[in-house]
Amino acid sequence: MKKRGMIIALAGVVMLVASFAVAVSVLEQGAIGGDFSLPVLLEGMFDQVSDNASLYPGETTYFSFDATSGTDQVLWGLQILDYRGGDRVSVSISNIYGDDFGTVESDQPAFFNTLAVPQSDVLNFMVENKGGRQITVVMMFTKNPEQQDRLVDQNSPLGRMLIPLAAVGFLLLFGIIVIIAGAIIMVYDYKKRQNSESSSYL
């Protein structure tokens, strides 16, 4: 009985297992001190990153960003570094003149928004902890994101992860193809054996 199909399919399964093992290893090495920090992971992608701020339930803190010097649009984001289910924040945006640019509420670990800047301005972001426990937040800002041509710093954690993860993706895809090929060969050999056995009875 030919076992070539089974051997090929088994090789594909080994590739899949290996790709998952490599992916887990890469992701674990990419974690900084066990925390998933977007500013660290996306190092070099932002014009300004705030200091970490701890907020008790109902407490507020302020972050500011200088949107002068030809700024037409601002990409801003917030991450709850120690996120748990039930955490929620609101971000109210204004300028130094007291103009209101709206409020954004979120119960996600991280989120990003864009804000049009009609004229040079200094923007204030009031962050309020709407949840029931103390949280730690960080904010990220980038001027004119559509005009930016930034690549991830190759020395950043994400940059160091990209090539291994690309290799993992290739290995995963190749493993799936090998498994399919092995299954086709097994079916072909099975039918060929059945036809041979049928012919021997005639």
C-alpha atoms as a PDB file:
ATOM      1  CA  MET A   1       0.000   0.000   0.000  1.00  0.00           C
ATOM      2  CA  LYS A   2       1.449   3.348  -1.066  1.00  0.00           C
ATOM      3  CA  LYS A   3       1.831   5.874   1.721  1.00  0.00           C
ATOM      4  CA  ARG A   4       3.315   8.760  -0.230  1.00  0.00           C
ATOM      5  CA  GLY A   5       0.150  10.865   0.091  1.00  0.00           C
ATOM      6  CA  MET A   6       0.015  10.358   3.837  1.00  0.00           C
ATOM      7  CA  ILE A   7       3.702  11.244   4.190  1.00  0.00           C
ATOM      8  CA  ILE A   8       3.281  14.445   2.141  1.00  0.00           C
ATOM      9  CA  ALA A   9       0.186  15.462   4.118  1.00  0.00           C
ATOM     10  CA  LEU A  10       2.041  14.772   7.375  1.00  0.00           C
ATOM     11  CA  ALA A  11       4.880  17.006   6.191  1.00  0.00           C
ATOM     12  CA  GLY A  12       2.313  19.765   5.594  1.00  0.00           C
ATOM     13  CA  VAL A  13       0.934  19.345   9.118  1.00  0.00           C
ATOM     14  CA  VAL A  14       4.482  19.618  10.510  1.00  0.00           C
ATOM     15  CA  MET A  15       4.920  22.887   8.584  1.00  0.00           C
ATOM     16  CA  LEU A  16       1.681  24.254  10.052  1.00  0.00           C
ATOM     17  CA  VAL A  17       2.699  23.338  13.593  1.00  0.00           C
ATOM     18  CA  ALA A  18       6.137  24.854  13.052  1.00  0.00           C
ATOM     19  CA  SER A  19       4.653  28.090  11.679  1.00  0.00           C
ATOM     20  CA  PHE A  20       2.357  28.466  14.695  1.00  0.00           C
ATOM     21  CA  ALA A  21       5.263  27.774  17.072  1.00  0.00           C
ATOM     22  CA  VAL A  22       7.443  30.388  15.365  1.00  0.00           C
ATOM     23  CA  ALA A  23       4.580  32.922  15.367  1.00  0.00           C
ATOM     24  CA  VAL A  24       4.004  32.470  19.109  1.00  0.00           C
ATOM     25  CA  SER A  25       7.738  32.825  19.781  1.00  0.00           C
ATOM     26  CA  VAL A  26       8.021  35.997  17.682  1.00  0.00           C
ATOM     27  CA  LEU A  27       4.984  37.588  19.315  1.00  0.00           C
ATOM     28  CA  GLU A  28       6.242  36.749  22.806  1.00  0.00           C
ATOM     29  CA  GLN A  29       9.649  38.261  22.035  1.00  0.00           C
ATOM     30  CA  GLY A  30       7.951  41.335  20.598  1.00  0.00           C
ATOM     31  CA  ALA A  31       6.085  41.982  23.845  1.00  0.00           C
ATOM     32  CA  ILE A  32       7.853  44.638  25.867  1.00  0.00           C
ATOM     33  CA  GLY A  33       7.975  43.652  29.515  1.00  0.00           C
ATOM     34  CA  GLY A  34       4.737  41.725  29.012  1.00  0.00           C
ATOM     35  CA  ASP A  35       2.828  44.885  28.027  1.00  0.00           C
ATOM     36  CA  PHE A  36       1.401  45.527  24.580  1.00  0.00           C
ATOM     37  CA  SER A  37       2.370  49.158  24.064  1.00  0.00           C
ATOM     38  CA  LEU A  38       1.473  50.711  20.706  1.00  0.00           C
ATOM     39  CA  PRO A  39       3.932  53.637  21.040  1.00  0.00           C
ATOM     40  CA  VAL A  40       6.745  51.148  21.597  1.00  0.00           C
ATOM     41  CA  LEU A  41       5.549  48.667  18.986  1.00  0.00           C
ATOM     42  CA  LEU A  42       5.070  51.455  16.405  1.00  0.00           C
ATOM     43  CA  GLU A  43       8.180  53.383  17.363  1.00  0.00           C
ATOM     44  CA  GLY A  44       8.935  56.206  14.926  1.00  0.00           C
ATOM     45  CA  MET A  45       5.391  56.463  13.585  1.00  0.00           C
ATOM     46  CA  PHE A  46       4.259  59.373  15.776  1.00  0.00           C
ATOM     47  CA  ASP A  47       5.314  63.009  16.085  1.00  0.00           C
ATOM     48  CA  GLN A  48       4.481  63.049  19.774  1.00  0.00           C
ATOM     49  CA  VAL A  49       3.794  60.431  22.420  1.00  0.00           C
ATOM     50  CA  SER A  50       2.591  61.504  25.855  1.00  0.00           C
ATOM     51  CA  ASP A  51       3.811  60.242  29.191  1.00  0.00           C
ATOM     52  CA  ASN A  52       1.733  57.495  30.759  1.00  0.00           C
ATOM     53  CA  ALA A  53      -1.045  58.869  32.969  1.00  0.00           C
ATOM     54  CA  SER A  54      -2.919  56.995  35.694  1.00  0.00           C
ATOM     55  CA  LEU A  55      -6.576  57.882  36.226  1.00  0.00           C
ATOM     56  CA  TYR A  56      -8.897  56.876  39.035  1.00  0.00           C
ATOM     57  CA  PRO A  57     -12.619  56.389  38.238  1.00  0.00           C
ATOM     58  CA  GLY A  58     -14.127  59.776  37.361  1.00  0.00           C
ATOM     59  CA  GLU A  59     -10.721  61.495  37.247  1.00  0.00           C
ATOM     60  CA  THR A  60      -9.620  63.577  34.260  1.00  0.00           C
ATOM     61  CA  THR A  61      -6.258  64.595  32.827  1.00  0.00           C
ATOM     62  CA  TYR A  62      -5.194  66.864  29.989  1.00  0.00           C
ATOM     63  CA  PHE A  63      -2.901  66.336  27.022  1.00  0.00           C
ATOM     64  CA  SER A  64      -1.965  69.037  24.512  1.00  0.00           C
ATOM     65  CA  PHE A  65      -0.622  68.956  20.982  1.00  0.00           C
ATOM     66  CA  ASP A  66       0.867  71.812  18.978  1.00  0.00           C
ATOM     67  CA  ALA A  67      -0.970  71.755  15.634  1.00  0.00           C
ATOM     68  CA  THR A  68       0.719  74.858  14.244  1.00  0.00           C
ATOM     69  CA  SER A  69       3.354  75.085  11.496  1.00  0.00           C
ATOM     70  CA  GLY A  70       1.228  74.071   8.528  1.00  0.00           C
ATOM     71  CA  THR A  71      -0.841  71.369  10.182  1.00  0.00           C
ATOM     72  CA  ASP A  72      -4.020  70.574   8.217  1.00  0.00           C
ATOM     73  CA  GLN A  73      -4.987  67.357   9.962  1.00  0.00           C
ATOM     74  CA  VAL A  74      -4.040  65.505  13.129  1.00  0.00           C
ATOM     75  CA  LEU A  75      -4.137  61.766  13.673  1.00  0.00           C
ATOM     76  CA  TRP A  76      -4.543  61.112  17.377  1.00  0.00           C
ATOM     77  CA  GLY A  77      -4.976  57.960  19.344  1.00  0.00           C
ATOM     78  CA  LEU A  78      -5.337  56.689  22.888  1.00  0.00           C
ATOM     79  CA  GLN A  79      -4.418  53.369  24.439  1.00  0.00           C
ATOM     80  CA  ILE A  80      -5.414  51.946  27.817  1.00  0.00           C
ATOM     81  CA  LEU A  81      -2.191  50.137  28.656  1.00  0.00           C
ATOM     82  CA  ASP A  82      -3.651  47.914  31.375  1.00  0.00           C
ATOM     83  CA  TYR A  83      -7.022  47.363  29.679  1.00  0.00           C
ATOM     84  CA  ARG A  84      -9.681  45.081  31.172  1.00  0.00           C
ATOM     85  CA  GLY A  85     -13.279  44.489  30.219  1.00  0.00           C
ATOM     86  CA  GLY A  86     -15.500  47.333  31.437  1.00  0.00           C
ATOM     87  CA  ASP A  87     -12.853  50.028  31.043  1.00  0.00           C
ATOM     88  CA  ARG A  88     -14.164  53.139  29.280  1.00  0.00           C
ATOM     89  CA  VAL A  89     -12.841  56.616  28.539  1.00  0.00           C
ATOM     90  CA  SER A  90     -14.095  59.830  27.000  1.00  0.00           C
ATOM     91  CA  VAL A  91     -11.896  62.343  25.192  1.00  0.00           C
ATOM     92  CA  SER A  92     -13.114  65.950  24.847  1.00  0.00           C
ATOM     93  CA  ILE A  93     -11.189  68.102  22.366  1.00  0.00           C
ATOM     94  CA  SER A  94     -10.878  71.877  22.457  1.00  0.00           C
ATOM     95  CA  ASN A  95      -8.347  74.572  21.615  1.00  0.00           C
ATOM     96  CA  ILE A  96      -6.694  77.329  23.610  1.00  0.00           C
ATOM     97  CA  TYR A  97      -9.585  79.660  22.736  1.00  0.00           C
ATOM     98  CA  GLY A  98     -12.180  77.327  24.229  1.00  0.00           C
ATOM     99  CA  ASP A  99     -13.658  76.147  20.911  1.00  0.00           C
ATOM    100  CA  ASP A 100     -15.247  72.702  21.206  1.00  0.00           C
ATOM    101  CA  PHE A 101     -14.204  70.022  18.681  1.00  0.00           C
ATOM    102  CA  GLY A 102     -16.418  67.306  20.127  1.00  0.00           C
ATOM    103  CA  THR A 103     -16.136  64.321  22.447  1.00  0.00           C
ATOM    104  CA  VAL A 104     -15.217  60.726  21.651  1.00  0.00           C
ATOM    105  CA  GLU A 105     -16.093  57.834  23.964  1.00  0.00           C
ATOM    106  CA  SER A 106     -14.643  54.348  23.721  1.00  0.00           C
ATOM    107  CA  ASP A 107     -14.600  51.066  25.621  1.00  0.00           C
ATOM    108  CA  GLN A 108     -11.827  49.591  23.451  1.00  0.00           C
ATOM    109  CA  PRO A 109      -8.178  49.004  24.465  1.00  0.00           C
ATOM    110  CA  ALA A 110      -7.014  51.473  21.796  1.00  0.00           C
ATOM    111  CA  PHE A 111      -8.548  53.702  19.132  1.00  0.00           C
ATOM    112  CA  PHE A 112      -7.515  56.366  16.610  1.00  0.00           C
ATOM    113  CA  ASN A 113      -9.279  59.349  15.071  1.00  0.00           C
ATOM    114  CA  THR A 114      -8.426  62.177  12.709  1.00  0.00           C
ATOM    115  CA  LEU A 115      -9.207  65.835  13.292  1.00  0.00           C
ATOM    116  CA  ALA A 116      -9.194  68.581  10.660  1.00  0.00           C
ATOM    117  CA  VAL A 117      -7.328  71.714  11.739  1.00  0.00           C
ATOM    118  CA  PRO A 118      -8.720  74.758   9.863  1.00  0.00           C
ATOM    119  CA  GLN A 119      -6.042  77.063  11.285  1.00  0.00           C
ATOM    120  CA  SER A 120      -2.853  76.843  13.319  1.00  0.00           C
ATOM    121  CA  ASP A 121      -3.868  75.836  16.802  1.00  0.00           C
ATOM    122  CA  VAL A 122      -2.866  74.198  20.052  1.00  0.00           C
ATOM    123  CA  LEU A 123      -5.282  71.358  20.775  1.00  0.00           C
ATOM    124  CA  ASN A 124      -6.273  70.207  24.250  1.00  0.00           C
ATOM    125  CA  PHE A 125      -7.472  66.660  24.912  1.00  0.00           C
ATOM    126  CA  MET A 126      -9.320  66.107  28.192  1.00  0.00           C
ATOM    127  CA  VAL A 127      -9.381  62.395  29.001  1.00  0.00           C
ATOM    128  CA  GLU A 128     -11.842  61.134  31.621  1.00  0.00           C
ATOM    129  CA  ASN A 129     -11.916  57.669  33.144  1.00  0.00           C
ATOM    130  CA  LYS A 130     -15.539  56.521  32.778  1.00  0.00           C
ATOM    131  CA  GLY A 131     -14.889  53.034  34.136  1.00  0.00           C
ATOM    132  CA  GLY A 132     -14.927  51.617  37.622  1.00  0.00           C
ATOM    133  CA  ARG A 133     -11.232  51.102  38.273  1.00  0.00           C
ATOM    134  CA  GLN A 134      -7.895  52.867  37.946  1.00  0.00           C
ATOM    135  CA  ILE A 135      -6.371  52.780  34.459  1.00  0.00           C
ATOM    136  CA  THR A 136      -3.178  53.941  32.753  1.00  0.00           C
ATOM    137  CA  VAL A 137      -3.464  55.714  29.406  1.00  0.00           C
ATOM    138  CA  VAL A 138      -1.089  57.068  26.771  1.00  0.00           C
ATOM    139  CA  MET A 139      -1.838  59.332  23.789  1.00  0.00           C
ATOM    140  CA  MET A 140      -0.197  59.471  20.343  1.00  0.00           C
ATOM    141  CA  PHE A 141      -0.227  62.305  17.768  1.00  0.00           C
ATOM    142  CA  THR A 142       0.876  62.687  14.137  1.00  0.00           C
ATOM    143  CA  LYS A 143       0.630  65.776  11.928  1.00  0.00           C
ATOM    144  CA  ASN A 144      -0.805  65.513   8.406  1.00  0.00           C
ATOM    145  CA  PRO A 145      -0.872  61.678   8.319  1.00  0.00           C
ATOM    146  CA  GLU A 146      -1.894  61.567   4.625  1.00  0.00           C
ATOM    147  CA  GLN A 147       1.287  63.415   3.673  1.00  0.00           C
ATOM    148  CA  GLN A 148       3.552  61.220   5.748  1.00  0.00           C
ATOM    149  CA  ASP A 149       5.687  58.593   4.053  1.00  0.00           C
ATOM    150  CA  ARG A 150       6.927  56.867   7.167  1.00  0.00           C
ATOM    151  CA  LEU A 151       7.948  53.274   7.394  1.00  0.00           C
ATOM    152  CA  VAL A 152       8.169  51.346  10.622  1.00  0.00           C
ATOM    153  CA  ASP A 153      11.627  51.664  12.148  1.00  0.00           C
ATOM    154  CA  GLN A 154      13.445  48.415  11.380  1.00  0.00           C
ATOM    155  CA  ASN A 155      14.955  48.489  14.863  1.00  0.00           C
ATOM    156  CA  SER A 156      11.565  48.861  16.569  1.00  0.00           C
ATOM    157  CA  PRO A 157       9.819  45.780  18.003  1.00  0.00           C
ATOM    158  CA  LEU A 158       7.346  45.726  15.100  1.00  0.00           C
ATOM    159  CA  GLY A 159      10.146  46.153  12.576  1.00  0.00           C
ATOM    160  CA  ARG A 160      11.999  43.193  14.081  1.00  0.00           C
ATOM    161  CA  MET A 161       8.811  41.131  13.936  1.00  0.00           C
ATOM    162  CA  LEU A 162       7.828  41.836  10.314  1.00  0.00           C
ATOM    163  CA  ILE A 163      10.343  39.596   8.522  1.00  0.00           C
ATOM    164  CA  PRO A 164       9.835  36.567  10.833  1.00  0.00           C
ATOM    165  CA  LEU A 165       6.054  36.966  10.593  1.00  0.00           C
ATOM    166  CA  ALA A 166       6.285  37.179   6.791  1.00  0.00           C
ATOM    167  CA  ALA A 167       8.270  33.938   6.838  1.00  0.00           C
ATOM    168  CA  VAL A 168       5.636  32.399   9.114  1.00  0.00           C
ATOM    169  CA  GLY A 169       2.916  33.398   6.653  1.00  0.00           C
ATOM    170  CA  PHE A 170       4.802  31.804   3.766  1.00  0.00           C
ATOM    171  CA  LEU A 171       5.417  28.616   5.753  1.00  0.00           C
ATOM    172  CA  LEU A 172       1.753  28.479   6.762  1.00  0.00           C
ATOM    173  CA  LEU A 173       0.566  28.892   3.166  1.00  0.00           C
ATOM    174  CA  PHE A 174       3.064  26.339   1.862  1.00  0.00           C
ATOM    175  CA  GLY A 175       2.024  23.884   4.583  1.00  0.00           C
ATOM    176  CA  ILE A 176      -1.632  24.170   3.569  1.00  0.00           C
ATOM    177  CA  ILE A 177      -0.716  23.581  -0.092  1.00  0.00           C
ATOM    178  CA  VAL A 178       1.341  20.513   0.846  1.00  0.00           C
ATOM    179  CA  ILE A 179      -1.540  19.090   2.916  1.00  0.00           C
ATOM    180  CA  ILE A 180      -3.950  19.550  -0.001  1.00  0.00           C
ATOM    181  CA  ALA A 181      -1.453  17.938  -2.377  1.00  0.00           C
ATOM    182  CA  GLY A 182      -1.018  14.995  -0.009  1.00  0.00           C
ATOM    183  CA  ALA A 183      -4.786  14.545   0.275  1.00  0.00           C
ATOM    184  CA  ILE A 184      -5.158  14.563  -3.527  1.00  0.00           C
ATOM    185  CA  ILE A 185      -2.402  11.964  -3.894  1.00  0.00           C
ATOM    186  CA  MET A 186      -4.022   9.765  -1.218  1.00  0.00           C
ATOM    187  CA  VAL A 187      -7.359   9.907  -3.052  1.00  0.00           C
ATOM    188  CA  TYR A 188      -5.640   9.176  -6.370  1.00  0.00           C
ATOM    189  CA  ASP A 189      -3.723   6.209  -4.954  1.00  0.00           C
ATOM    190  CA  TYR A 190      -6.859   4.879  -3.266  1.00  0.00           C
ATOM    191  CA  LYS A 191      -8.885   4.987  -6.488  1.00  0.00           C
ATOM    192  CA  LYS A 192      -6.006   3.463  -8.435  1.00  0.00           C
ATOM    193  CA  ARG A 193      -5.763   0.627  -5.918  1.00  0.00           C
ATOM    194  CA  GLN A 194      -9.524   0.074  -6.042  1.00  0.00           C
ATOM    195  CA  ASN A 195      -9.461  -0.084  -9.855  1.00  0.00           C
ATOM    196  CA  SER A 196      -6.526  -2.503  -9.721  1.00  0.00           C
ATOM    197  CA  GLU A 197      -8.333  -4.767  -7.263  1.00  0.00           C
ATOM    198  CA  SER A 198     -11.489  -4.686  -9.388  1.00  0.00           C
ATOM    199  CA  SER A 199      -9.509  -5.628 -12.495  1.00  0.00           C
ATOM    200  CA  SER A 200      -7.897  -8.595 -10.703  1.00  0.00           C
ATOM    201  CA  TYR A 201     -11.341 -10.150 -10.029  1.00  0.00           C
ATOM    202  CA  LEU A 202     -12.298 -10.082 -13.712  1.00  0.00           C
END
